[in-house]
Amino acid sequence: MSLRFDHGLVIGKFYPPHAGHHHLIDTAAGRCGTVTVVVAASSVESIPLAARTAWLREAHPQPNVVIAPVVDDVDIDYDDPEIWTAHVAVFRQALAAAHGTVPEIDAVFSSEPYGAELARRFDAVHVGVDPARERHPISGTAVRADPVSAWHLLHPAVRASFARRVVVVGAESSGTTTLARALAASYAARGGAWASTRWVPEYGRTYCEEKLATARRTAKDDGEPEPWLDDLTWESAEFTLIAERQLAWEDAAARVGSPLLVCDTDALATSIWHERYLGSRSPEVVRIHERARHDLWIHTSVDGVPFEQDGWRDGELIRDHMDQRIRHELRERRLPHVTVTGSPGERLARAVQAVDALLDEGWTFTRPLTAER
């Protein structure tokens, strides 16, 4: 039978957390009354300590797991006793902040070679967990070098943060939805980590349909003529709701998708529609746009695309105006974007070219503090 400890300790950078880390923490949680996980990040690292802390708290909601973040900028030298003492002081600081006092540590759980010395300095038992990394052959270094290959070993919250988000924007009847679907499908067809590539539909369309359906039911109950789109009135709060819900759909899809997420519109486009219907911009919707993280915008030009009225659209003159507004906003805000024209096939080819260029840039992480640094 496994030994039961009152208080266990796990220490790491979690830069970023991966399946091996989660196995380590879960193992400690299963063998301890309480386990404290010290997230020791250095200030030179590019993933914020707050993000790592939030990811771990989401991944480990067990009531006996305590996540304790701390900044540790002490040099690393496993052969220097004074440096060891300085690190342990930082770890004790994190323990005191999390518990109000430094608890007695019974066991240190680790997959690292330095685990035994760390346990000795806490006068605790060392419990090695998969030190050869046979169960989860991954490391933070490997994830940073190639997140795509390690995608299946990352928690959904980490995936949502790492996924490259591409937004397809355009005026009505300019092929945005057609292109968003086709772009996601073209990457899903590549298989591997890309097989789960998704596209996020436009929530504003869904909201409009529901709004009109509600108005029609109300009119029918009151014996009034059936309303149409032109009869609907809009409030600013509705656009805020649409933008928030769009972003929520996007975040949910990013958690379960591939390293690429294709989004059919965003809060920037919603802010332009707010201007169209209410005559001014919405600061709240703009703030949602600024809060969201997107990497590339693909603008579907109306040039050469015949206008098709599907019963929901404003009209061709408004379409041309909205096309110019979107072009202006992308340029004015200096957002990375491309404009696609031509046939559907030509538009898709240009979009794939732009997305491939984005993905070829890879993911950039600053080098952590190491013994060799």
Protein backbone atom coordinates (compact mmCIF):
# COMPACT_ATOMS: atom_id res chain seq x y z
CA MET A 1 0.00 0.00 0.00
CA SER A 2 1.25 3.51 -0.86
CA LEU A 3 2.48 5.62 2.03
CA ARG A 4 0.15 8.40 3.15
CA PHE A 5 1.68 11.80 3.88
CA ASP A 6 0.16 14.74 5.67
CA HIS A 7 1.72 17.43 3.46
CA GLY A 8 3.47 16.94 0.14
CA LEU A 9 5.40 19.43 -1.96
CA VAL A 10 5.78 19.75 -5.73
CA ILE A 11 8.01 22.45 -7.20
CA GLY A 12 8.46 23.42 -10.84
CA LYS A 13 8.50 26.14 -13.42
CA PHE A 14 5.58 24.70 -15.40
CA TYR A 15 6.86 26.61 -18.42
CA PRO A 16 4.34 25.54 -19.69
CA PRO A 17 2.52 22.81 -17.73
CA HIS A 18 2.06 19.55 -19.62
CA ALA A 19 0.79 16.00 -19.09
CA GLY A 20 3.92 14.97 -17.15
CA HIS A 21 3.39 17.81 -14.68
CA HIS A 22 -0.27 16.91 -14.24
CA HIS A 23 0.61 13.26 -13.58
CA LEU A 24 3.13 14.37 -10.96
CA ILE A 25 0.61 16.61 -9.18
CA ASP A 26 -2.19 14.04 -9.36
CA THR A 27 0.12 11.38 -7.92
CA ALA A 28 1.07 13.65 -5.02
CA ALA A 29 -2.58 14.61 -4.43
CA GLY A 30 -3.52 10.94 -4.22
CA ARG A 31 -0.93 10.26 -1.53
CA CYS A 32 -1.14 13.38 0.62
CA GLY A 33 -3.67 15.04 2.85
CA THR A 34 -2.50 18.32 1.33
CA VAL A 35 -0.09 18.99 -1.50
CA THR A 36 1.33 22.42 -2.24
CA VAL A 37 2.47 23.09 -5.78
CA VAL A 38 5.01 25.90 -5.90
CA VAL A 39 5.04 27.58 -9.31
CA ALA A 40 8.52 29.11 -9.40
CA ALA A 41 8.80 31.39 -12.42
CA SER A 42 11.69 33.68 -13.23
CA SER A 43 11.10 37.19 -14.50
CA VAL A 44 13.02 36.46 -17.73
CA GLU A 45 10.41 33.94 -18.89
CA SER A 46 7.77 34.96 -21.40
CA ILE A 47 4.75 33.06 -20.06
CA PRO A 48 3.37 35.14 -17.16
CA LEU A 49 3.35 33.58 -13.72
CA ALA A 50 -0.35 34.48 -13.40
CA ALA A 51 -1.18 32.46 -16.52
CA ARG A 52 0.66 29.37 -15.32
CA THR A 53 -1.01 29.67 -11.93
CA ALA A 54 -4.47 29.94 -13.50
CA TRP A 55 -3.82 26.97 -15.79
CA LEU A 56 -2.73 24.76 -12.90
CA ARG A 57 -5.64 25.78 -10.70
CA GLU A 58 -8.05 24.86 -13.47
CA ALA A 59 -6.31 21.56 -14.19
CA HIS A 60 -6.15 20.59 -10.50
CA PRO A 61 -9.38 21.54 -8.71
CA GLN A 62 -8.84 18.88 -6.04
CA PRO A 63 -9.61 20.41 -2.62
CA ASN A 64 -6.30 19.20 -1.20
CA VAL A 65 -4.17 20.85 -3.90
CA VAL A 66 -2.85 24.35 -3.18
CA ILE A 67 -1.16 26.29 -5.98
CA ALA A 68 1.47 28.70 -4.65
CA PRO A 69 3.02 31.09 -7.20
CA VAL A 70 6.33 32.85 -6.59
CA VAL A 71 9.00 34.67 -8.59
CA ASP A 72 12.36 32.93 -8.31
CA ASP A 73 15.21 34.82 -9.97
CA VAL A 74 17.97 33.05 -8.08
CA ASP A 75 20.70 31.62 -10.31
CA ILE A 76 20.70 27.88 -10.85
CA ASP A 77 23.70 25.83 -9.76
CA TYR A 78 22.94 22.45 -8.25
CA ASP A 79 26.47 22.21 -6.84
CA ASP A 80 26.37 25.50 -4.91
CA PRO A 81 25.03 25.15 -1.34
CA GLU A 82 24.43 28.90 -0.98
CA ILE A 83 22.32 28.98 -4.15
CA TRP A 84 20.39 25.98 -2.87
CA THR A 85 19.72 27.84 0.36
CA ALA A 86 18.49 30.88 -1.57
CA HIS A 87 16.08 28.77 -3.63
CA VAL A 88 14.69 27.02 -0.58
CA ALA A 89 14.11 30.43 1.04
CA VAL A 90 12.04 31.45 -1.98
CA PHE A 91 10.04 28.21 -1.81
CA ARG A 92 9.39 28.75 1.91
CA GLN A 93 8.21 32.25 1.08
CA ALA A 94 5.68 30.77 -1.34
CA LEU A 95 4.53 28.23 1.26
CA ALA A 96 4.09 30.95 3.89
CA ALA A 97 2.08 33.12 1.49
CA ALA A 98 -0.21 30.20 0.61
CA HIS A 99 -0.76 28.90 4.15
CA GLY A 100 -0.05 31.82 6.46
CA THR A 101 2.93 29.95 7.85
CA VAL A 102 5.47 27.45 6.54
CA PRO A 103 3.90 24.00 7.04
CA GLU A 104 5.93 20.92 7.84
CA ILE A 105 6.65 19.05 4.62
CA ASP A 106 6.56 15.25 4.82
CA ALA A 107 7.31 14.38 1.21
CA VAL A 108 8.70 16.03 -1.90
CA PHE A 109 7.37 14.61 -5.16
CA SER A 110 9.60 15.11 -8.17
CA SER A 111 10.61 13.69 -11.54
CA GLU A 112 13.87 15.65 -11.59
CA PRO A 113 17.38 14.55 -10.55
CA TYR A 114 17.52 17.33 -7.96
CA GLY A 115 14.42 15.99 -6.17
CA ALA A 116 16.36 14.03 -3.55
CA GLU A 117 18.42 17.06 -2.50
CA LEU A 118 15.31 19.24 -2.40
CA ALA A 119 13.63 16.70 -0.12
CA ARG A 120 16.69 16.57 2.14
CA ARG A 121 16.61 20.33 2.56
CA PHE A 122 12.98 20.11 3.68
CA ASP A 123 13.83 17.15 5.92
CA ALA A 124 11.27 15.17 3.96
CA VAL A 125 10.95 11.87 2.10
CA HIS A 126 11.66 12.01 -1.62
CA VAL A 127 9.08 10.33 -3.85
CA GLY A 128 10.25 9.90 -7.41
CA VAL A 129 7.45 9.93 -9.97
CA ASP A 130 8.22 8.56 -13.45
CA PRO A 131 11.83 9.86 -13.38
CA ALA A 132 12.57 8.23 -16.73
CA ARG A 133 9.46 9.91 -18.19
CA GLU A 134 8.26 6.67 -19.69
CA ARG A 135 4.60 7.41 -19.06
CA HIS A 136 4.72 10.95 -20.49
CA PRO A 137 7.86 11.41 -22.60
CA ILE A 138 7.71 15.20 -22.62
CA SER A 139 9.37 18.18 -21.00
CA GLY A 140 8.81 21.91 -20.87
CA THR A 141 11.84 22.34 -23.12
CA ALA A 142 10.32 20.02 -25.73
CA VAL A 143 6.97 21.80 -25.60
CA ARG A 144 8.60 25.19 -26.11
CA ALA A 145 10.64 23.84 -29.00
CA ASP A 146 7.62 22.36 -30.80
CA PRO A 147 4.17 23.01 -29.31
CA VAL A 148 2.43 21.37 -32.28
CA SER A 149 4.06 17.97 -31.66
CA ALA A 150 3.17 18.20 -27.97
CA TRP A 151 -0.38 19.48 -28.55
CA HIS A 152 -2.06 16.30 -27.31
CA LEU A 153 -0.11 16.57 -24.04
CA LEU A 154 -1.29 20.09 -23.21
CA HIS A 155 -4.25 20.97 -21.01
CA PRO A 156 -7.19 22.63 -22.83
CA ALA A 157 -6.48 25.95 -21.08
CA VAL A 158 -2.91 25.94 -22.42
CA ARG A 159 -4.13 25.04 -25.90
CA ALA A 160 -6.56 27.95 -25.83
CA SER A 161 -3.70 30.29 -25.01
CA PHE A 162 -1.29 28.88 -27.59
CA ALA A 163 -3.68 28.40 -30.54
CA ARG A 164 -3.13 30.74 -33.46
CA ARG A 165 -6.41 32.56 -34.03
CA VAL A 166 -7.29 33.72 -37.52
CA VAL A 167 -10.33 35.93 -38.09
CA VAL A 168 -12.22 36.06 -41.38
CA VAL A 169 -14.01 39.40 -41.71
CA GLY A 170 -15.95 41.02 -44.49
CA ALA A 171 -19.12 42.78 -45.51
CA GLU A 172 -22.37 40.92 -46.13
CA SER A 173 -22.36 38.52 -49.06
CA SER A 174 -18.58 38.60 -49.44
CA GLY A 175 -17.98 34.92 -48.70
CA THR A 176 -16.71 35.11 -45.13
CA THR A 177 -18.50 31.99 -43.88
CA THR A 178 -17.67 30.03 -47.03
CA LEU A 179 -13.99 30.89 -46.65
CA ALA A 180 -13.91 30.23 -42.89
CA ARG A 181 -15.37 26.76 -43.39
CA ALA A 182 -13.05 25.94 -46.28
CA LEU A 183 -9.96 27.23 -44.51
CA ALA A 184 -10.60 25.12 -41.41
CA ALA A 185 -11.37 22.06 -43.55
CA SER A 186 -8.15 22.45 -45.55
CA TYR A 187 -6.05 22.30 -42.38
CA ALA A 188 -8.10 19.50 -40.82
CA ALA A 189 -7.37 17.46 -43.95
CA ARG A 190 -3.66 17.59 -43.10
CA GLY A 191 -4.29 15.23 -40.20
CA GLY A 192 -2.16 14.82 -37.12
CA ALA A 193 -2.41 17.68 -34.67
CA TRP A 194 -4.32 19.64 -37.34
CA ALA A 195 -7.15 17.10 -37.66
CA SER A 196 -9.21 18.89 -35.02
CA THR A 197 -8.98 22.31 -36.71
CA ARG A 198 -12.27 24.13 -36.14
CA TRP A 199 -14.07 27.22 -37.29
CA VAL A 200 -16.25 29.36 -35.03
CA PRO A 201 -19.54 30.48 -36.60
CA GLU A 202 -20.92 34.00 -36.31
CA TYR A 203 -22.96 34.31 -33.13
CA GLY A 204 -24.48 37.61 -34.30
CA ARG A 205 -26.38 35.75 -37.00
CA THR A 206 -27.78 33.30 -34.45
CA TYR A 207 -28.74 36.15 -32.14
CA CYS A 208 -30.50 38.00 -34.97
CA GLU A 209 -32.48 34.91 -35.92
CA GLU A 210 -33.55 34.38 -32.31
CA LYS A 211 -34.45 38.06 -31.92
CA LEU A 212 -36.64 38.03 -35.02
CA ALA A 213 -38.30 34.75 -34.01
CA THR A 214 -39.16 36.23 -30.61
CA ALA A 215 -40.58 39.39 -32.25
CA ARG A 216 -42.71 37.27 -34.56
CA ARG A 217 -44.13 35.21 -31.70
CA THR A 218 -44.96 38.37 -29.77
CA ALA A 219 -46.65 39.96 -32.80
CA LYS A 220 -48.68 36.82 -33.43
CA ASP A 221 -49.84 36.71 -29.81
CA ASP A 222 -50.83 40.40 -29.99
CA GLY A 223 -52.54 40.04 -33.37
CA GLU A 224 -50.03 42.38 -35.03
CA PRO A 225 -48.58 42.12 -38.57
CA GLU A 226 -45.52 39.89 -38.78
CA PRO A 227 -42.37 42.00 -38.23
CA TRP A 228 -39.34 41.83 -40.50
CA LEU A 229 -35.70 42.76 -40.03
CA ASP A 230 -36.30 46.45 -40.71
CA ASP A 231 -38.77 46.52 -37.83
CA LEU A 232 -36.24 45.39 -35.24
CA THR A 233 -34.74 47.92 -32.87
CA TRP A 234 -31.30 47.51 -31.35
CA GLU A 235 -29.68 48.49 -28.07
CA SER A 236 -25.98 48.90 -27.41
CA ALA A 237 -26.03 46.19 -24.75
CA GLU A 238 -27.06 43.65 -27.38
CA PHE A 239 -23.87 44.22 -29.33
CA THR A 240 -21.83 43.84 -26.16
CA LEU A 241 -23.60 40.53 -25.52
CA ILE A 242 -22.93 39.39 -29.09
CA ALA A 243 -19.22 40.26 -28.83
CA GLU A 244 -18.85 38.54 -25.45
CA ARG A 245 -20.66 35.41 -26.63
CA GLN A 246 -18.59 35.31 -29.84
CA LEU A 247 -15.40 35.38 -27.80
CA ALA A 248 -16.75 32.72 -25.42
CA TRP A 249 -17.53 30.44 -28.38
CA GLU A 250 -14.04 31.08 -29.68
CA ASP A 251 -12.34 30.27 -26.38
CA ALA A 252 -14.36 27.08 -26.01
CA ALA A 253 -13.38 25.93 -29.51
CA ALA A 254 -9.71 26.78 -28.94
CA ARG A 255 -9.63 24.43 -25.94
CA VAL A 256 -10.57 21.37 -27.98
CA GLY A 257 -9.19 22.26 -31.39
CA SER A 258 -5.86 22.21 -33.16
CA PRO A 259 -3.04 24.78 -33.03
CA LEU A 260 -5.14 26.81 -35.51
CA LEU A 261 -8.57 28.29 -34.88
CA VAL A 262 -10.56 30.00 -37.64
CA CYS A 263 -13.09 32.59 -36.48
CA ASP A 264 -15.97 33.83 -38.64
CA THR A 265 -15.95 37.49 -37.41
CA ASP A 266 -14.86 39.09 -34.14
CA ALA A 267 -15.61 42.01 -31.82
CA LEU A 268 -13.96 44.49 -34.19
CA ALA A 269 -16.52 43.65 -36.87
CA THR A 270 -19.27 43.76 -34.22
CA SER A 271 -18.19 47.28 -33.28
CA ILE A 272 -18.56 48.33 -36.92
CA TRP A 273 -22.08 46.89 -37.03
CA HIS A 274 -22.86 48.80 -33.81
CA GLU A 275 -21.85 51.94 -35.67
CA ARG A 276 -24.02 50.93 -38.63
CA TYR A 277 -27.22 50.48 -36.59
CA LEU A 278 -26.74 52.94 -33.72
CA GLY A 279 -24.64 55.63 -35.38
CA SER A 280 -21.61 55.44 -33.06
CA ARG A 281 -18.95 53.08 -31.80
CA SER A 282 -19.39 51.14 -28.57
CA PRO A 283 -16.49 51.54 -26.12
CA GLU A 284 -17.51 48.27 -24.46
CA VAL A 285 -17.37 46.29 -27.70
CA VAL A 286 -14.05 47.90 -28.65
CA ARG A 287 -12.65 46.88 -25.27
CA ILE A 288 -13.70 43.29 -25.95
CA HIS A 289 -11.81 43.47 -29.24
CA GLU A 290 -8.73 44.81 -27.48
CA ARG A 291 -8.96 42.14 -24.79
CA ALA A 292 -9.11 39.28 -27.26
CA ARG A 293 -5.95 37.86 -28.82
CA HIS A 294 -5.98 37.34 -32.57
CA ASP A 295 -3.02 36.77 -34.83
CA LEU A 296 -4.25 37.42 -38.37
CA TRP A 297 -7.29 38.92 -40.10
CA ILE A 298 -8.39 37.77 -43.55
CA HIS A 299 -10.58 40.36 -45.23
CA THR A 300 -12.95 39.03 -47.89
CA SER A 301 -13.27 41.78 -50.47
CA VAL A 302 -16.59 42.41 -52.21
CA ASP A 303 -14.74 42.99 -55.49
CA GLY A 304 -16.02 40.59 -58.11
CA VAL A 305 -18.55 38.96 -55.76
CA PRO A 306 -22.18 39.42 -56.84
CA PHE A 307 -24.50 40.47 -54.03
CA GLU A 308 -26.99 37.80 -52.97
CA GLN A 309 -29.98 38.71 -50.84
CA ASP A 310 -30.77 35.84 -48.47
CA GLY A 311 -33.53 37.66 -46.62
CA TRP A 312 -31.23 38.86 -43.84
CA ARG A 313 -28.91 41.30 -45.55
CA ASP A 314 -29.09 45.10 -45.65
CA GLY A 315 -28.39 45.60 -49.35
CA GLU A 316 -25.62 46.13 -51.87
CA LEU A 317 -25.00 49.84 -51.13
CA ILE A 318 -24.55 49.11 -47.44
CA ARG A 319 -22.30 46.20 -48.36
CA ASP A 320 -19.89 48.49 -50.22
CA HIS A 321 -19.85 50.94 -47.32
CA MET A 322 -19.16 48.18 -44.79
CA ASP A 323 -16.39 46.79 -46.97
CA GLN A 324 -14.64 50.16 -46.92
CA ARG A 325 -15.15 50.52 -43.15
CA ILE A 326 -13.53 47.14 -42.51
CA ARG A 327 -10.59 47.99 -44.79
CA HIS A 328 -10.13 51.28 -42.96
CA GLU A 329 -10.23 49.76 -39.48
CA LEU A 330 -7.71 47.06 -40.31
CA ARG A 331 -5.30 49.61 -41.75
CA GLU A 332 -5.94 52.25 -39.07
CA ARG A 333 -5.31 49.79 -36.24
CA ARG A 334 -2.32 48.31 -38.05
CA LEU A 335 -3.63 44.81 -37.59
CA PRO A 336 -1.86 42.00 -39.46
CA HIS A 337 -4.18 41.24 -42.35
CA VAL A 338 -4.53 40.20 -45.97
CA THR A 339 -7.33 40.97 -48.40
CA VAL A 340 -8.48 38.11 -50.62
CA THR A 341 -10.19 38.52 -53.97
CA GLY A 342 -11.07 36.39 -56.97
CA SER A 343 -12.82 33.04 -57.13
CA PRO A 344 -13.50 30.96 -53.99
CA GLY A 345 -10.53 28.77 -54.91
CA GLU A 346 -8.24 31.76 -55.33
CA ARG A 347 -9.39 33.25 -52.04
CA LEU A 348 -8.76 29.99 -50.21
CA ALA A 349 -5.30 29.64 -51.75
CA ARG A 350 -4.32 33.16 -50.68
CA ALA A 351 -5.72 32.59 -47.19
CA VAL A 352 -3.80 29.32 -46.79
CA GLN A 353 -0.63 31.06 -47.93
CA ALA A 354 -1.07 33.76 -45.30
CA VAL A 355 -1.91 31.29 -42.52
CA ASP A 356 1.04 29.06 -43.43
CA ALA A 357 3.31 32.09 -43.14
CA LEU A 358 1.87 32.81 -39.71
CA LEU A 359 2.35 29.22 -38.55
CA ASP A 360 5.89 29.13 -39.96
CA GLU A 361 6.79 31.89 -37.51
CA GLY A 362 6.28 29.33 -34.77
CA TRP A 363 5.99 30.10 -31.08
CA THR A 364 8.59 32.22 -29.35
CA PHE A 365 9.53 31.69 -25.71
CA THR A 366 12.36 33.34 -23.85
CA ARG A 367 14.98 31.02 -22.44
CA PRO A 368 14.41 30.16 -18.77
CA LEU A 369 17.06 30.36 -16.10
CA THR A 370 19.14 27.19 -16.37
CA ALA A 371 22.29 25.79 -14.87
CA GLU A 372 24.13 26.64 -18.10
CA ARG A 373 22.86 30.20 -18.45
